[in-house]
C-alpha atoms as a PDB file:
ATOM      1  CA  MET A   1       0.010   0.023  -0.070  1.00  0.00           C
ATOM      2  CA  ALA A   2       1.345   3.216  -0.847  1.00  0.00           C
ATOM      3  CA  LYS A   3       2.105   5.463   2.405  1.00  0.00           C
ATOM      4  CA  GLY A   4      -0.972   7.523   3.554  1.00  0.00           C
ATOM      5  CA  LYS A   5      -3.027   7.067   0.229  1.00  0.00           C
ATOM      6  CA  LYS A   6      -5.373   4.469  -0.325  1.00  0.00           C
ATOM      7  CA  THR A   7      -4.577   2.808  -3.684  1.00  0.00           C
ATOM      8  CA  GLY A   8      -7.511   0.229  -3.743  1.00  0.00           C
ATOM      9  CA  GLY A   9     -10.675  -1.250  -2.485  1.00  0.00           C
ATOM     10  CA  ARG A  10     -13.743   0.549  -0.932  1.00  0.00           C
ATOM     11  CA  VAL A  11     -13.933   4.225  -0.891  1.00  0.00           C
ATOM     12  CA  LYS A  12     -13.859   5.274   2.767  1.00  0.00           C
ATOM     13  CA  GLY A  13     -17.412   5.015   4.389  1.00  0.00           C
ATOM     14  CA  THR A  14     -18.358   2.620   1.833  1.00  0.00           C
ATOM     15  CA  PRO A  15     -20.699  -0.047   3.404  1.00  0.00           C
ATOM     16  CA  ASN A  16     -19.163  -3.658   2.793  1.00  0.00           C
ATOM     17  CA  LYS A  17     -21.763  -5.653   0.381  1.00  0.00           C
ATOM     18  CA  SER A  18     -21.400  -8.599   2.312  1.00  0.00           C
ATOM     19  CA  THR A  19     -22.348  -7.671   5.916  1.00  0.00           C
ATOM     20  CA  GLN A  20     -25.581  -5.436   4.336  1.00  0.00           C
ATOM     21  CA  LEU A  21     -26.465  -8.594   2.740  1.00  0.00           C
ATOM     22  CA  ALA A  22     -25.921 -10.623   5.948  1.00  0.00           C
ATOM     23  CA  LYS A  23     -28.045  -8.486   8.019  1.00  0.00           C
ATOM     24  CA  ASP A  24     -30.713  -8.119   5.422  1.00  0.00           C
ATOM     25  CA  LEU A  25     -31.295 -11.886   5.500  1.00  0.00           C
ATOM     26  CA  MET A  26     -30.987 -11.751   9.213  1.00  0.00           C
ATOM     27  CA  ILE A  27     -33.736  -9.535   9.122  1.00  0.00           C
ATOM     28  CA  GLY A  28     -35.598 -10.934   6.618  1.00  0.00           C
ATOM     29  CA  TRP A  29     -35.537 -14.291   8.243  1.00  0.00           C
ATOM     30  CA  LEU A  30     -36.510 -12.669  12.028  1.00  0.00           C
ATOM     31  CA  ASN A  31     -39.234 -10.770   9.589  1.00  0.00           C
ATOM     32  CA  LEU A  32     -40.893 -13.873   8.462  1.00  0.00           C
ATOM     33  CA  HIS A  33     -41.148 -16.049  11.431  1.00  0.00           C
ATOM     34  CA  ASN A  34     -41.883 -12.798  13.427  1.00  0.00           C
ATOM     35  CA  THR A  35     -45.190 -12.757  11.653  1.00  0.00           C
ATOM     36  CA  CYS A  36     -46.335 -16.490  12.077  1.00  0.00           C
ATOM     37  CA  THR A  37     -48.112 -16.943  14.967  1.00  0.00           C
ATOM     38  CA  ASP A  38     -49.920 -19.675  16.990  1.00  0.00           C
ATOM     39  CA  ALA A  39     -54.058 -20.002  17.790  1.00  0.00           C
ATOM     40  CA  THR A  40     -53.712 -17.030  20.672  1.00  0.00           C
ATOM     41  CA  GLY A  41     -51.826 -14.725  18.347  1.00  0.00           C
ATOM     42  CA  VAL A  42     -48.602 -14.949  20.036  1.00  0.00           C
ATOM     43  CA  GLN A  43     -45.686 -15.012  17.569  1.00  0.00           C
ATOM     44  CA  LEU A  44     -43.843 -18.393  17.311  1.00  0.00           C
ATOM     45  CA  ILE A  45     -40.228 -17.031  17.536  1.00  0.00           C
ATOM     46  CA  TRP A  46     -41.092 -15.453  20.862  1.00  0.00           C
ATOM     47  CA  GLN A  47     -42.138 -18.316  22.580  1.00  0.00           C
ATOM     48  CA  ASP A  48     -39.322 -20.442  20.656  1.00  0.00           C
ATOM     49  CA  PHE A  49     -37.266 -17.971  22.417  1.00  0.00           C
ATOM     50  CA  MET A  50     -38.828 -17.693  25.606  1.00  0.00           C
ATOM     51  CA  ALA A  51     -38.761 -22.088  25.591  1.00  0.00           C
ATOM     52  CA  LEU A  52     -35.128 -21.721  25.794  1.00  0.00           C
ATOM     53  CA  ASP A  53     -33.072 -22.106  28.627  1.00  0.00           C
ATOM     54  CA  PRO A  54     -31.938 -18.584  30.294  1.00  0.00           C
ATOM     55  CA  ARG A  55     -28.307 -18.914  29.249  1.00  0.00           C
ATOM     56  CA  ASP A  56     -29.167 -20.131  25.497  1.00  0.00           C
ATOM     57  CA  ARG A  57     -31.307 -16.817  25.323  1.00  0.00           C
ATOM     58  CA  VAL A  58     -28.460 -14.980  26.108  1.00  0.00           C
ATOM     59  CA  LYS A  59     -26.175 -16.695  23.747  1.00  0.00           C
ATOM     60  CA  VAL A  60     -28.772 -16.035  21.265  1.00  0.00           C
ATOM     61  CA  SER A  61     -28.962 -12.560  22.001  1.00  0.00           C
ATOM     62  CA  VAL A  62     -25.219 -12.377  21.681  1.00  0.00           C
ATOM     63  CA  GLU A  63     -25.176 -13.837  18.292  1.00  0.00           C
ATOM     64  CA  PHE A  64     -27.945 -11.664  16.840  1.00  0.00           C
ATOM     65  CA  ILE A  65     -26.249  -8.532  18.764  1.00  0.00           C
ATOM     66  CA  LYS A  66     -22.443  -9.719  16.957  1.00  0.00           C
ATOM     67  CA  VAL A  67     -24.445  -9.804  13.588  1.00  0.00           C
ATOM     68  CA  ILE A  68     -26.382  -6.362  14.095  1.00  0.00           C
ATOM     69  CA  MET A  69     -23.997  -4.203  15.807  1.00  0.00           C
ATOM     70  CA  PRO A  70     -20.762  -3.139  14.636  1.00  0.00           C
ATOM     71  CA  LYS A  71     -17.869  -4.129  16.513  1.00  0.00           C
ATOM     72  CA  ASN A  72     -15.687  -1.590  18.586  1.00  0.00           C
ATOM     73  CA  ILE A  73     -11.845  -2.001  17.975  1.00  0.00           C
ATOM     74  CA  SER A  74     -10.086  -0.414  21.084  1.00  0.00           C
ATOM     75  CA  ILE A  75      -6.665   1.286  20.216  1.00  0.00           C
ATOM     76  CA  ASP A  76      -4.057   1.535  23.034  1.00  0.00           C
ATOM     77  CA  GLU A  77      -1.070   3.271  23.269  1.00  0.00           C
ATOM     78  CA  GLU A  78       0.817   0.038  23.374  1.00  0.00           C
ATOM     79  CA  SER A  79      -0.733  -1.062  19.515  1.00  0.00           C
ATOM     80  CA  ARG A  80       0.553   2.621  18.580  1.00  0.00           C
ATOM     81  CA  ARG A  81       4.196   1.997  19.297  1.00  0.00           C
ATOM     82  CA  THR A  82       6.262   0.698  16.328  1.00  0.00           C
ATOM     83  CA  ILE A  83       8.097  -2.812  16.626  1.00  0.00           C
ATOM     84  CA  GLU A  84      11.208  -0.332  17.227  1.00  0.00           C
ATOM     85  CA  ASP A  85      10.090   1.071  19.949  1.00  0.00           C
ATOM     86  CA  ARG A  86       9.119  -1.934  21.618  1.00  0.00           C
ATOM     87  CA  LEU A  87      12.381  -3.542  20.916  1.00  0.00           C
ATOM     88  CA  VAL A  88      14.218  -0.688  22.331  1.00  0.00           C
ATOM     89  CA  ALA A  89      11.561  -0.714  25.661  1.00  0.00           C
ATOM     90  CA  LEU A  90      12.598  -4.521  25.656  1.00  0.00           C
ATOM     91  CA  SER A  91      16.286  -3.959  25.699  1.00  0.00           C
ATOM     92  CA  GLU A  92      16.267  -1.506  27.981  1.00  0.00           C
ATOM     93  CA  GLY A  93      14.578  -3.769  30.431  1.00  0.00           C
ATOM     94  CA  ASP A  94      16.723  -6.094  29.813  1.00  0.00           C
ATOM     95  CA  GLN A  95      19.427  -3.411  30.527  1.00  0.00           C
ATOM     96  CA  LEU A  96      17.946  -2.510  33.997  1.00  0.00           C
ATOM     97  CA  GLU A  97      17.648  -6.094  35.286  1.00  0.00           C
ATOM     98  CA  ALA A  98      21.521  -7.058  34.457  1.00  0.00           C
ATOM     99  CA  GLU A  99      22.107  -3.439  36.475  1.00  0.00           C
ATOM    100  CA  ASP A 100      19.865  -5.200  39.413  1.00  0.00           C
ATOM    101  CA  VAL A 101      21.805  -8.434  39.253  1.00  0.00           C
ATOM    102  CA  ASP A 102      25.426  -6.319  39.672  1.00  0.00           C
END
């Protein structure tokens, strides 16, 4: 990749088509199952969800959230350091340890 310039791929801000397709399929599946009701009018998907063990309901909820919500990526100070900075820090740490032994 050229330094500081994008030379290919999607333009910044353009949504990923595969991700949008997956979201659309999930929404379509949920809408389809959301319209099916039993004799009392309760949505079958809700009945199925509530029939799950509480632990399984949490798992299902987490999986849906993974599909629907974007992932947040945390960038800490350590990840911003170059490999050279890290090697220098490591060598200085080794130097200090060697001096403590003397």
